[in-house]
Amino acid sequence: MQIQFAATRPSTAHVLALPVEKDGLDRINFGAITADAQRLVRGAARAARFEGEAGGIVEAFFADGDHVVQLLLVGVGPGAEADYERAGGALTARLLTSGVQELVVDFSSLGGAPAVGAVARFAAAAVQRGWRIDTYRTKLAEKAKPTLTTITLVGAPAGAEDAWHGQDAVTKGLDLTRTLVALPPNILYPVSFVERVKADVAGLGLEISVLGEAEMAELGMGALLGVSQGSVRDAQLLVMKWNGKGAGDPDLALVGKGVTFDTGGISLKPGPGMEDMKWDMGGAGAVAGAMKALALRKAKANVVGVCGLVENMPDANAQRPGDIVTSMSGQTIEILNTDAEGRLVLCDAITWVQKNHRPKTIVDLATLTGAMIIALGNEHGGMFANDDALAEQLLAAGKSTGDMLWRFPLSDAYNKLIDSPIADMKNVGPRGAGSITAAQFIQRFVDKGVRWAHLDIAGMVWADKPGATFDKGATGYGVRLLDRFVADNFEA
């Protein structure tokens, strides 16, 4: 979908949207629309009990010479950026498959100029809400096909177009993440994940390197490779480096769990719902999308993204409960449950990035535990951190972007729950506090003095109902969060 900016309302604007503030129905600036048409629109709004609430829409039609104008009033609520985001997404949801091809949104309908950031978020949500994947549909009805291609914004304040370009970079990162998460597991597996990402970010200035199984085995990455050994698909470690402020070690490492399909291995998951495990690579998907966004907007920060990519399958060579593996750090792990595999992937990826890039801060993202969904549902991602300032930075980034987080505790009491009688640790603790003991496991691989946060996003990468910026399916959660986190804390 294309976003355009214009100084005045085009004469061919036959589908027009006017933003309306909360309780602002009587203050709308209709411009050249006739008094009779204004009365018709206001009457329709009152009949629909429309009060300008964020994302609310009322629709009316009236004659304008030889044409019929379709006018939509869209509520922007009290006017916060999140309100404008809901409004932009709501318009696309309403018109995407309606037959409408071009929409004009005129912000001069408001009493005063909206904030630059609010307009940029409005435009971003309008585009993001239109993302969908129809690649494998062969019998899609004409009325179900997207038609909306262009949205022209009129009356936007100075600077809004520049702000939109930054949001457009994030939106393109979201597109990559959502596509990776949505693809079926026979199409997306570790090697094809790497191939798709490399093709998608080609020419953006990211330094890409890839480790295969032989290289990882030589480095002693037995935890990650133990997960992969039951699959015919080779594991990969994808590394994306962005040097936005020049040469030197990255200040920040983003590490993503990329289990492209998770059967649970020998500890096989129940059959119902197992098809959802194609999105168990959502953490890696978010890292890839965030790195693309940083490169597109030429972020003035040095960041490295690492994706540990495996498939967890239960063949005759699969890892068994009771096995002991040696991680790249040298620490040994007793495997009690082969479905607690994501932490095994992350621990070796984190060790690798510390040994090779020495970041001062690490943020890992993973669809790690079902316990997190029990705790938070689908409204917040869970966060664990060894540094209070880092935790506050991530919470702030989540609140400002809508990728919400909730902090959980870490302590020695929880840490003791994963001590093993036969190895340095076991890969699961007791049933209680399952998300916390998973985070405690990962923390054992973080070097002293390194700020670290773990984001358990198990409930966030896939949605069973539409949201403000996404339809059912892949949400792209984490891309906006990470981009804002970098912008606010790592760019001068």
Protein backbone atom coordinates (compact mmCIF):
# COMPACT_ATOMS: atom_id res chain seq x y z
CA MET A 1 0.00 0.00 0.00
CA GLN A 2 1.28 3.48 -0.89
CA ILE A 3 1.12 6.54 1.37
CA GLN A 4 1.12 9.96 -0.31
CA PHE A 5 1.06 13.48 1.09
CA ALA A 6 -0.75 16.42 -0.51
CA ALA A 7 -1.27 20.07 0.43
CA THR A 8 -4.90 20.20 -0.65
CA ARG A 9 -7.78 17.80 -1.12
CA PRO A 10 -7.71 16.34 -4.68
CA SER A 11 -10.77 17.20 -6.77
CA THR A 12 -11.15 13.49 -7.54
CA ALA A 13 -11.49 12.54 -3.87
CA HIS A 14 -14.62 10.45 -4.10
CA VAL A 15 -13.72 8.39 -1.03
CA LEU A 16 -12.87 10.76 1.79
CA ALA A 17 -12.12 10.24 5.47
CA LEU A 18 -12.26 13.06 8.02
CA PRO A 19 -10.63 12.51 11.43
CA VAL A 20 -12.83 13.57 14.36
CA GLU A 21 -11.73 14.19 17.93
CA LYS A 22 -13.62 12.77 20.90
CA ASP A 23 -16.89 14.71 21.25
CA GLY A 24 -15.82 16.79 18.25
CA LEU A 25 -18.74 16.08 15.92
CA ASP A 26 -19.92 19.70 15.98
CA ARG A 27 -16.42 21.05 15.36
CA ILE A 28 -15.65 19.23 12.09
CA ASN A 29 -14.24 21.39 9.31
CA PHE A 30 -15.93 19.92 6.23
CA GLY A 31 -14.22 22.25 3.77
CA ALA A 32 -16.12 22.64 0.51
CA ILE A 33 -18.76 20.00 1.29
CA THR A 34 -22.22 21.50 0.99
CA ALA A 35 -24.37 22.34 4.01
CA ASP A 36 -26.97 19.74 3.02
CA ALA A 37 -24.31 17.03 2.84
CA GLN A 38 -22.92 18.14 6.22
CA ARG A 39 -26.35 17.78 7.82
CA LEU A 40 -26.67 14.31 6.28
CA VAL A 41 -23.30 13.21 7.64
CA ARG A 42 -23.90 14.60 11.12
CA GLY A 43 -27.31 12.96 11.20
CA ALA A 44 -25.79 9.61 10.25
CA ALA A 45 -23.17 10.03 12.97
CA ARG A 46 -25.73 10.79 15.66
CA ALA A 47 -27.91 7.88 14.54
CA ALA A 48 -24.89 5.58 14.87
CA ARG A 49 -23.99 7.07 18.30
CA PHE A 50 -20.61 8.06 16.92
CA GLU A 51 -18.73 10.32 19.34
CA GLY A 52 -15.23 10.38 17.86
CA GLU A 53 -13.95 7.45 19.93
CA ALA A 54 -10.58 6.16 18.70
CA GLY A 55 -11.07 3.77 15.80
CA GLY A 56 -14.82 4.38 15.53
CA ILE A 57 -16.15 4.89 12.00
CA VAL A 58 -19.42 6.18 10.59
CA GLU A 59 -20.10 6.21 6.86
CA ALA A 60 -22.38 8.29 4.62
CA PHE A 61 -22.90 8.82 0.91
CA PHE A 62 -23.99 12.01 -0.87
CA ALA A 63 -24.11 13.38 -4.39
CA ASP A 64 -21.46 15.80 -5.63
CA GLY A 65 -22.34 16.76 -9.19
CA ASP A 66 -22.16 13.63 -11.32
CA HIS A 67 -20.40 11.65 -8.62
CA VAL A 68 -21.27 10.01 -5.35
CA VAL A 69 -18.91 10.78 -2.48
CA GLN A 70 -18.29 8.14 0.16
CA LEU A 71 -17.45 10.01 3.36
CA LEU A 72 -16.13 8.31 6.47
CA LEU A 73 -15.77 10.02 9.82
CA VAL A 74 -13.02 8.27 11.79
CA GLY A 75 -12.53 8.88 15.47
CA VAL A 76 -9.11 9.82 16.80
CA GLY A 77 -10.25 9.95 20.43
CA PRO A 78 -8.36 12.31 22.77
CA GLY A 79 -5.57 12.54 20.18
CA ALA A 80 -2.75 10.40 21.56
CA GLU A 81 -0.47 8.61 19.10
CA ALA A 82 -2.10 5.29 20.01
CA ASP A 83 -5.53 6.79 19.21
CA TYR A 84 -4.36 7.84 15.76
CA GLU A 85 -2.90 4.38 15.27
CA ARG A 86 -6.26 2.77 16.02
CA ALA A 87 -7.93 5.17 13.58
CA GLY A 88 -5.52 4.41 10.73
CA GLY A 89 -5.84 0.68 11.22
CA ALA A 90 -9.63 0.88 11.44
CA LEU A 91 -9.89 2.66 8.09
CA THR A 92 -7.85 -0.01 6.32
CA ALA A 93 -9.82 -2.80 7.99
CA ARG A 94 -13.02 -1.17 6.73
CA LEU A 95 -11.91 -0.52 3.16
CA LEU A 96 -9.22 -3.09 2.32
CA THR A 97 -11.48 -5.44 0.34
CA SER A 98 -14.36 -3.00 -0.24
CA GLY A 99 -13.60 -2.27 -3.89
CA VAL A 100 -12.18 1.15 -2.98
CA GLN A 101 -8.76 1.71 -4.50
CA GLU A 102 -7.87 5.23 -3.35
CA LEU A 103 -8.64 6.96 -0.06
CA VAL A 104 -8.05 10.58 0.88
CA VAL A 105 -7.70 11.44 4.57
CA ASP A 106 -8.02 15.17 5.31
CA PHE A 107 -6.62 16.21 8.70
CA SER A 108 -7.77 19.79 8.20
CA SER A 109 -11.12 18.55 9.48
CA LEU A 110 -9.67 18.89 12.99
CA GLY A 111 -9.73 22.07 15.01
CA GLY A 112 -5.93 22.22 15.13
CA ALA A 113 -2.97 20.51 13.50
CA PRO A 114 -2.33 17.01 14.86
CA ALA A 115 1.09 16.05 16.19
CA VAL A 116 3.68 14.93 13.66
CA GLY A 117 4.18 11.59 15.40
CA ALA A 118 0.45 10.95 15.54
CA VAL A 119 0.05 11.35 11.78
CA ALA A 120 3.06 9.10 11.15
CA ARG A 121 1.57 6.42 13.42
CA PHE A 122 -1.78 6.81 11.64
CA ALA A 123 -0.15 6.18 8.27
CA ALA A 124 1.92 3.28 9.59
CA ALA A 125 -1.11 1.56 11.09
CA ALA A 126 -3.06 1.99 7.87
CA VAL A 127 -0.33 0.18 5.93
CA GLN A 128 0.40 -2.42 8.62
CA ARG A 129 -3.27 -3.37 8.95
CA GLY A 130 -3.33 -4.17 5.23
CA TRP A 131 -0.63 -6.85 5.43
CA ARG A 132 -1.81 -10.35 4.53
CA ILE A 133 -0.40 -13.46 2.92
CA ASP A 134 -2.43 -14.96 0.07
CA THR A 135 0.43 -16.92 -1.48
CA TYR A 136 -1.21 -20.30 -1.05
CA ARG A 137 -4.81 -19.35 -1.88
CA THR A 138 -5.86 -20.63 -5.30
CA LYS A 139 -9.61 -19.97 -5.05
CA LEU A 140 -9.93 -16.53 -3.49
CA ALA A 141 -13.22 -14.84 -4.39
CA GLU A 142 -12.95 -11.46 -6.10
CA LYS A 143 -14.76 -9.75 -3.23
CA ALA A 144 -12.19 -11.15 -0.79
CA LYS A 145 -9.18 -9.73 -2.65
CA PRO A 146 -7.57 -6.51 -1.41
CA THR A 147 -8.34 -3.43 -3.49
CA LEU A 148 -7.08 -0.47 -1.44
CA THR A 149 -3.71 0.59 -2.87
CA THR A 150 -3.24 4.29 -2.12
CA ILE A 151 -3.92 6.57 0.85
CA THR A 152 -3.34 10.29 0.39
CA LEU A 153 -2.92 12.39 3.53
CA VAL A 154 -4.01 16.03 3.29
CA GLY A 155 -3.45 18.75 5.87
CA ALA A 156 -0.69 16.94 7.71
CA PRO A 157 1.68 19.17 9.74
CA ALA A 158 5.19 20.01 8.57
CA GLY A 159 7.54 17.16 9.32
CA ALA A 160 4.90 14.45 9.13
CA GLU A 161 6.19 13.08 5.83
CA ASP A 162 9.73 12.76 7.23
CA ALA A 163 8.34 11.07 10.34
CA TRP A 164 6.42 8.68 8.12
CA HIS A 165 9.62 7.57 6.40
CA GLY A 166 10.92 6.34 9.77
CA GLN A 167 7.67 4.52 10.40
CA ASP A 168 7.79 3.10 6.88
CA ALA A 169 11.14 1.47 7.68
CA VAL A 170 9.61 -0.18 10.73
CA THR A 171 6.60 -1.25 8.67
CA LYS A 172 8.83 -2.93 6.11
CA GLY A 173 10.60 -4.71 8.97
CA LEU A 174 7.22 -5.85 10.24
CA ASP A 175 6.37 -7.19 6.79
CA LEU A 176 9.45 -9.40 6.86
CA THR A 177 8.75 -10.66 10.36
CA ARG A 178 5.10 -11.42 9.63
CA THR A 179 5.96 -13.26 6.44
CA LEU A 180 8.53 -15.42 8.20
CA VAL A 181 6.12 -16.22 11.03
CA ALA A 182 3.24 -17.02 8.68
CA LEU A 183 5.04 -19.29 6.22
CA PRO A 184 4.37 -23.04 6.53
CA PRO A 185 7.13 -25.22 7.99
CA ASN A 186 7.68 -27.18 4.78
CA ILE A 187 8.61 -23.85 3.17
CA LEU A 188 10.38 -22.15 6.07
CA TYR A 189 13.12 -24.12 7.80
CA PRO A 190 16.58 -23.01 8.99
CA VAL A 191 18.31 -22.87 5.61
CA SER A 192 15.37 -21.27 3.80
CA PHE A 193 14.94 -18.77 6.66
CA VAL A 194 18.49 -17.64 6.03
CA GLU A 195 17.98 -17.51 2.27
CA ARG A 196 14.80 -15.44 2.57
CA VAL A 197 16.30 -12.96 4.98
CA LYS A 198 19.47 -12.53 2.93
CA ALA A 199 17.42 -11.85 -0.21
CA ASP A 200 15.07 -9.48 1.60
CA VAL A 201 17.78 -7.28 3.15
CA ALA A 202 20.21 -7.35 0.22
CA GLY A 203 21.67 -3.94 -0.52
CA LEU A 204 20.71 -2.38 2.83
CA GLY A 205 24.21 -2.43 4.28
CA LEU A 206 23.78 -5.25 6.78
CA GLU A 207 26.82 -7.53 7.18
CA ILE A 208 25.50 -11.09 6.95
CA SER A 209 27.32 -14.22 8.08
CA VAL A 210 26.07 -17.75 8.61
CA LEU A 211 27.38 -20.70 10.61
CA GLY A 212 26.40 -24.19 9.55
CA GLU A 213 26.32 -27.34 11.67
CA ALA A 214 29.97 -28.27 11.07
CA GLU A 215 31.16 -24.84 12.19
CA MET A 216 28.90 -24.88 15.25
CA ALA A 217 30.08 -28.38 16.17
CA GLU A 218 33.69 -27.23 15.99
CA LEU A 219 32.81 -24.39 18.38
CA GLY A 220 31.22 -26.82 20.82
CA MET A 221 27.63 -25.60 20.48
CA GLY A 222 26.23 -28.87 21.78
CA ALA A 223 23.09 -27.37 23.32
CA LEU A 224 21.79 -25.87 20.07
CA LEU A 225 22.87 -28.85 17.96
CA GLY A 226 21.26 -31.27 20.41
CA VAL A 227 17.87 -29.76 19.54
CA SER A 228 18.54 -30.06 15.82
CA GLN A 229 19.89 -33.61 15.73
CA GLY A 230 16.48 -35.23 15.21
CA SER A 231 15.77 -33.23 12.04
CA VAL A 232 16.93 -33.76 8.48
CA ARG A 233 17.06 -29.94 8.22
CA ASP A 234 20.47 -28.51 9.10
CA ALA A 235 20.65 -25.93 11.88
CA GLN A 236 21.95 -22.45 11.11
CA LEU A 237 23.22 -19.47 13.07
CA LEU A 238 22.32 -16.30 11.17
CA VAL A 239 24.25 -13.15 12.12
CA MET A 240 23.23 -9.67 10.93
CA LYS A 241 25.46 -6.76 11.85
CA TRP A 242 24.62 -3.08 11.47
CA ASN A 243 27.41 -0.55 12.03
CA GLY A 244 25.41 2.66 11.97
CA LYS A 245 27.95 4.72 13.87
CA GLY A 246 31.16 3.25 12.47
CA ALA A 247 33.57 0.46 13.23
CA GLY A 248 33.75 -1.21 16.60
CA ASP A 249 31.97 -3.75 18.75
CA PRO A 250 28.19 -3.48 18.84
CA ASP A 251 26.68 -1.82 21.88
CA LEU A 252 23.66 -4.10 21.64
CA ALA A 253 23.01 -7.70 20.63
CA LEU A 254 19.53 -8.92 19.74
CA VAL A 255 19.24 -12.71 19.97
CA GLY A 256 16.23 -14.63 18.68
CA LYS A 257 14.97 -18.16 19.16
CA GLY A 258 14.30 -19.62 15.72
CA VAL A 259 12.68 -23.04 16.08
CA THR A 260 11.07 -23.18 12.65
CA PHE A 261 8.87 -26.07 13.75
CA ASP A 262 8.59 -27.53 17.22
CA THR A 263 7.07 -30.98 17.65
CA GLY A 264 8.48 -31.15 21.17
CA GLY A 265 10.91 -33.84 20.01
CA ILE A 266 10.76 -37.10 21.94
CA SER A 267 8.70 -35.24 24.57
CA LEU A 268 6.06 -34.94 21.87
CA LYS A 269 3.46 -32.19 22.11
CA PRO A 270 -0.25 -33.08 21.99
CA GLY A 271 -1.59 -33.29 18.44
CA PRO A 272 -4.34 -30.62 18.60
CA GLY A 273 -2.85 -27.21 17.87
CA MET A 274 0.59 -28.51 16.95
CA GLU A 275 0.28 -26.78 13.58
CA ASP A 276 0.71 -23.50 15.44
CA MET A 277 4.29 -24.44 16.20
CA LYS A 278 5.36 -23.05 12.84
CA TRP A 279 5.56 -19.70 14.66
CA ASP A 280 7.98 -20.95 17.30
CA MET A 281 10.60 -18.95 15.40
CA GLY A 282 8.84 -15.66 16.26
CA GLY A 283 11.77 -14.37 18.30
CA ALA A 284 14.18 -14.86 15.41
CA GLY A 285 11.60 -13.35 13.07
CA ALA A 286 11.38 -10.24 15.25
CA VAL A 287 15.17 -9.89 15.31
CA ALA A 288 15.36 -10.15 11.52
CA GLY A 289 12.59 -7.57 11.07
CA ALA A 290 14.12 -5.19 13.59
CA MET A 291 17.53 -5.39 11.92
CA LYS A 292 15.92 -4.62 8.56
CA ALA A 293 14.15 -1.60 10.07
CA LEU A 294 17.39 -0.28 11.59
CA ALA A 295 19.18 -0.63 8.27
CA LEU A 296 16.37 0.99 6.27
CA ARG A 297 16.29 4.07 8.46
CA LYS A 298 20.08 4.08 8.81
CA ALA A 299 20.01 4.01 12.59
CA LYS A 300 23.06 5.64 14.20
CA ALA A 301 23.83 2.65 16.38
CA ASN A 302 25.98 -0.48 16.24
CA VAL A 303 23.75 -3.52 16.68
CA VAL A 304 24.21 -7.21 15.95
CA GLY A 305 21.27 -9.56 15.46
CA VAL A 306 21.71 -13.32 15.97
CA CYS A 307 19.13 -15.95 15.08
CA GLY A 308 19.57 -19.51 16.31
CA LEU A 309 17.67 -21.60 13.75
CA VAL A 310 16.72 -25.25 14.28
CA GLU A 311 13.87 -27.68 13.73
CA ASN A 312 12.86 -29.88 16.68
CA MET A 313 11.82 -33.31 15.40
CA PRO A 314 11.45 -36.80 16.96
CA ASP A 315 13.35 -39.19 14.71
CA ALA A 316 15.62 -42.10 15.71
CA ASN A 317 18.54 -39.74 16.19
CA ALA A 318 16.62 -37.23 18.28
CA GLN A 319 17.79 -36.00 21.65
CA ARG A 320 16.37 -38.04 24.55
CA PRO A 321 15.17 -37.11 28.02
CA GLY A 322 18.11 -38.02 30.23
CA ASP A 323 20.81 -36.97 27.77
CA ILE A 324 23.53 -34.59 28.93
CA VAL A 325 24.86 -32.02 26.48
CA THR A 326 27.77 -29.61 26.71
CA SER A 327 27.07 -26.01 25.75
CA MET A 328 29.51 -23.69 24.02
CA SER A 329 30.18 -22.07 27.40
CA GLY A 330 31.43 -25.43 28.71
CA GLN A 331 28.50 -25.80 31.12
CA THR A 332 26.71 -29.13 31.01
CA ILE A 333 22.95 -29.55 30.81
CA GLU A 334 20.81 -32.52 31.76
CA ILE A 335 17.89 -32.80 29.35
CA LEU A 336 14.72 -33.67 31.22
CA ASN A 337 12.27 -32.50 28.58
CA THR A 338 13.11 -32.17 24.90
CA ASP A 339 10.24 -29.69 24.51
CA ALA A 340 12.19 -27.20 26.62
CA GLU A 341 14.41 -26.62 23.60
CA GLY A 342 14.34 -22.88 23.03
CA ARG A 343 16.57 -22.11 25.98
CA LEU A 344 19.13 -24.59 24.61
CA VAL A 345 19.21 -22.67 21.34
CA LEU A 346 19.46 -19.31 23.07
CA CYS A 347 22.23 -20.25 25.49
CA ASP A 348 24.67 -21.16 22.72
CA ALA A 349 23.67 -18.17 20.58
CA ILE A 350 24.24 -15.84 23.55
CA THR A 351 27.62 -17.42 24.32
CA TRP A 352 28.66 -17.09 20.67
CA VAL A 353 27.75 -13.41 20.42
CA GLN A 354 29.56 -12.59 23.66
CA LYS A 355 32.75 -14.35 22.56
CA ASN A 356 32.72 -12.81 19.09
CA HIS A 357 31.20 -9.33 19.49
CA ARG A 358 31.40 -8.41 23.20
CA PRO A 359 28.13 -6.44 23.41
CA LYS A 360 27.48 -4.45 26.58
CA THR A 361 23.75 -5.19 26.37
CA ILE A 362 21.88 -8.29 25.21
CA VAL A 363 18.14 -8.62 24.62
CA ASP A 364 16.87 -12.06 23.67
CA LEU A 365 13.39 -12.77 22.34
CA ALA A 366 11.69 -16.15 22.33
CA THR A 367 8.33 -17.85 22.18
CA LEU A 368 9.68 -19.76 25.12
CA THR A 369 7.02 -21.02 27.53
CA GLY A 370 3.35 -21.87 27.54
CA ALA A 371 3.42 -20.75 31.17
CA MET A 372 3.81 -17.17 29.95
CA ILE A 373 0.52 -17.41 28.07
CA ILE A 374 -1.15 -18.74 31.21
CA ALA A 375 0.24 -15.77 33.17
CA LEU A 376 -0.32 -12.91 30.72
CA GLY A 377 -2.55 -14.18 27.94
CA ASN A 378 -2.09 -12.27 24.71
CA GLU A 379 -1.87 -8.72 26.06
CA HIS A 380 1.74 -8.44 27.28
CA GLY A 381 5.06 -10.11 26.65
CA GLY A 382 6.96 -11.22 29.72
CA MET A 383 10.25 -9.54 30.58
CA PHE A 384 13.12 -10.60 32.83
CA ALA A 385 16.21 -8.43 33.35
CA ASN A 386 19.38 -8.34 35.40
CA ASP A 387 19.46 -4.52 35.30
CA ASP A 388 16.71 -2.19 36.49
CA ALA A 389 17.60 0.64 34.11
CA LEU A 390 17.48 -1.74 31.14
CA ALA A 391 14.12 -3.05 32.29
CA GLU A 392 12.73 0.49 32.48
CA GLN A 393 14.02 1.30 29.01
CA LEU A 394 12.29 -1.73 27.53
CA LEU A 395 9.06 -1.09 29.43
CA ALA A 396 9.03 2.48 28.12
CA ALA A 397 9.65 1.35 24.54
CA GLY A 398 6.83 -1.17 24.85
CA LYS A 399 4.40 1.40 26.21
CA SER A 400 5.18 3.97 23.51
CA THR A 401 4.83 1.49 20.63
CA GLY A 402 2.02 -0.71 21.88
CA ASP A 403 4.23 -3.82 22.12
CA MET A 404 3.51 -4.10 25.82
CA LEU A 405 5.74 -5.84 28.39
CA TRP A 406 5.34 -6.92 32.00
CA ARG A 407 8.35 -7.54 34.25
CA PHE A 408 8.81 -10.80 36.18
CA PRO A 409 11.27 -11.56 39.01
CA LEU A 410 14.61 -13.33 39.05
CA SER A 411 16.22 -14.62 42.25
CA ASP A 412 18.52 -17.27 43.71
CA ALA A 413 15.51 -19.14 45.06
CA TYR A 414 14.21 -19.72 41.53
CA ASN A 415 17.71 -20.37 40.22
CA LYS A 416 18.20 -23.33 42.58
CA LEU A 417 15.19 -25.04 41.03
CA ILE A 418 17.20 -25.93 37.92
CA ASP A 419 20.22 -27.40 39.69
CA SER A 420 20.90 -30.96 38.51
CA PRO A 421 22.29 -33.82 40.61
CA ILE A 422 24.29 -35.09 37.64
CA ALA A 423 25.20 -32.03 35.52
CA ASP A 424 25.67 -28.28 35.98
CA MET A 425 21.96 -27.70 35.43
CA LYS A 426 18.80 -29.29 34.07
CA ASN A 427 16.81 -27.75 31.27
CA VAL A 428 13.51 -27.56 33.18
CA GLY A 429 12.47 -26.94 36.75
CA PRO A 430 9.23 -27.95 38.46
CA ARG A 431 5.79 -27.11 37.07
CA GLY A 432 5.49 -23.90 39.09
CA ALA A 433 7.21 -20.73 37.88
CA GLY A 434 8.04 -22.32 34.54
CA SER A 435 8.68 -19.04 32.74
CA ILE A 436 10.91 -17.81 35.56
CA THR A 437 13.07 -20.93 35.72
CA ALA A 438 13.46 -20.75 31.94
CA ALA A 439 14.78 -17.21 32.29
CA GLN A 440 17.06 -18.30 35.16
CA PHE A 441 18.49 -20.95 32.84
CA ILE A 442 19.36 -18.37 30.18
CA GLN A 443 20.86 -16.00 32.73
CA ARG A 444 23.50 -18.61 33.60
CA PHE A 445 25.06 -18.00 30.19
CA VAL A 446 25.27 -14.20 30.44
CA ASP A 447 28.76 -12.91 31.21
CA LYS A 448 29.39 -10.84 34.31
CA GLY A 449 28.91 -7.11 33.68
CA VAL A 450 26.68 -7.58 30.63
CA ARG A 451 23.23 -6.02 30.84
CA TRP A 452 20.70 -8.63 29.77
CA ALA A 453 16.96 -8.90 29.27
CA HIS A 454 14.90 -11.89 28.21
CA LEU A 455 11.54 -11.33 26.50
CA ASP A 456 9.19 -14.31 26.54
CA ILE A 457 6.77 -13.47 23.74
CA ALA A 458 4.96 -16.79 23.48
CA GLY A 459 1.52 -15.17 23.59
CA MET A 460 2.28 -12.26 21.28
CA VAL A 461 3.57 -13.35 17.86
CA TRP A 462 0.27 -14.89 16.67
CA ALA A 463 -3.25 -13.56 17.18
CA ASP A 464 -6.60 -15.33 17.00
CA LYS A 465 -8.43 -12.03 16.55
CA PRO A 466 -7.61 -8.76 14.75
CA GLY A 467 -5.81 -5.90 16.46
CA ALA A 468 -5.29 -2.25 15.63
CA THR A 469 -2.38 -2.94 13.26
CA PHE A 470 -2.88 -6.58 12.31
CA ASP A 471 -5.49 -9.08 11.21
CA LYS A 472 -5.73 -12.60 12.60
CA GLY A 473 -2.39 -14.39 12.32
CA ALA A 474 1.15 -13.05 12.47
CA THR A 475 1.44 -9.81 14.46
CA GLY A 476 5.09 -8.85 13.99
CA TYR A 477 5.38 -8.28 17.73
CA GLY A 478 8.79 -7.07 18.84
CA VAL A 479 9.88 -5.12 15.76
CA ARG A 480 8.40 -1.79 16.85
CA LEU A 481 9.55 -2.40 20.41
CA LEU A 482 13.17 -3.10 19.46
CA ASP A 483 13.35 -0.23 16.98
CA ARG A 484 12.10 2.27 19.58
CA PHE A 485 14.41 0.79 22.23
CA VAL A 486 17.39 1.37 19.95
CA ALA A 487 16.24 4.85 18.90
CA ASP A 488 15.70 6.02 22.47
CA ASN A 489 18.78 4.50 24.10
CA PHE A 490 21.54 3.77 21.57
CA GLU A 491 21.39 6.58 19.02
CA ALA A 492 23.08 9.89 19.75
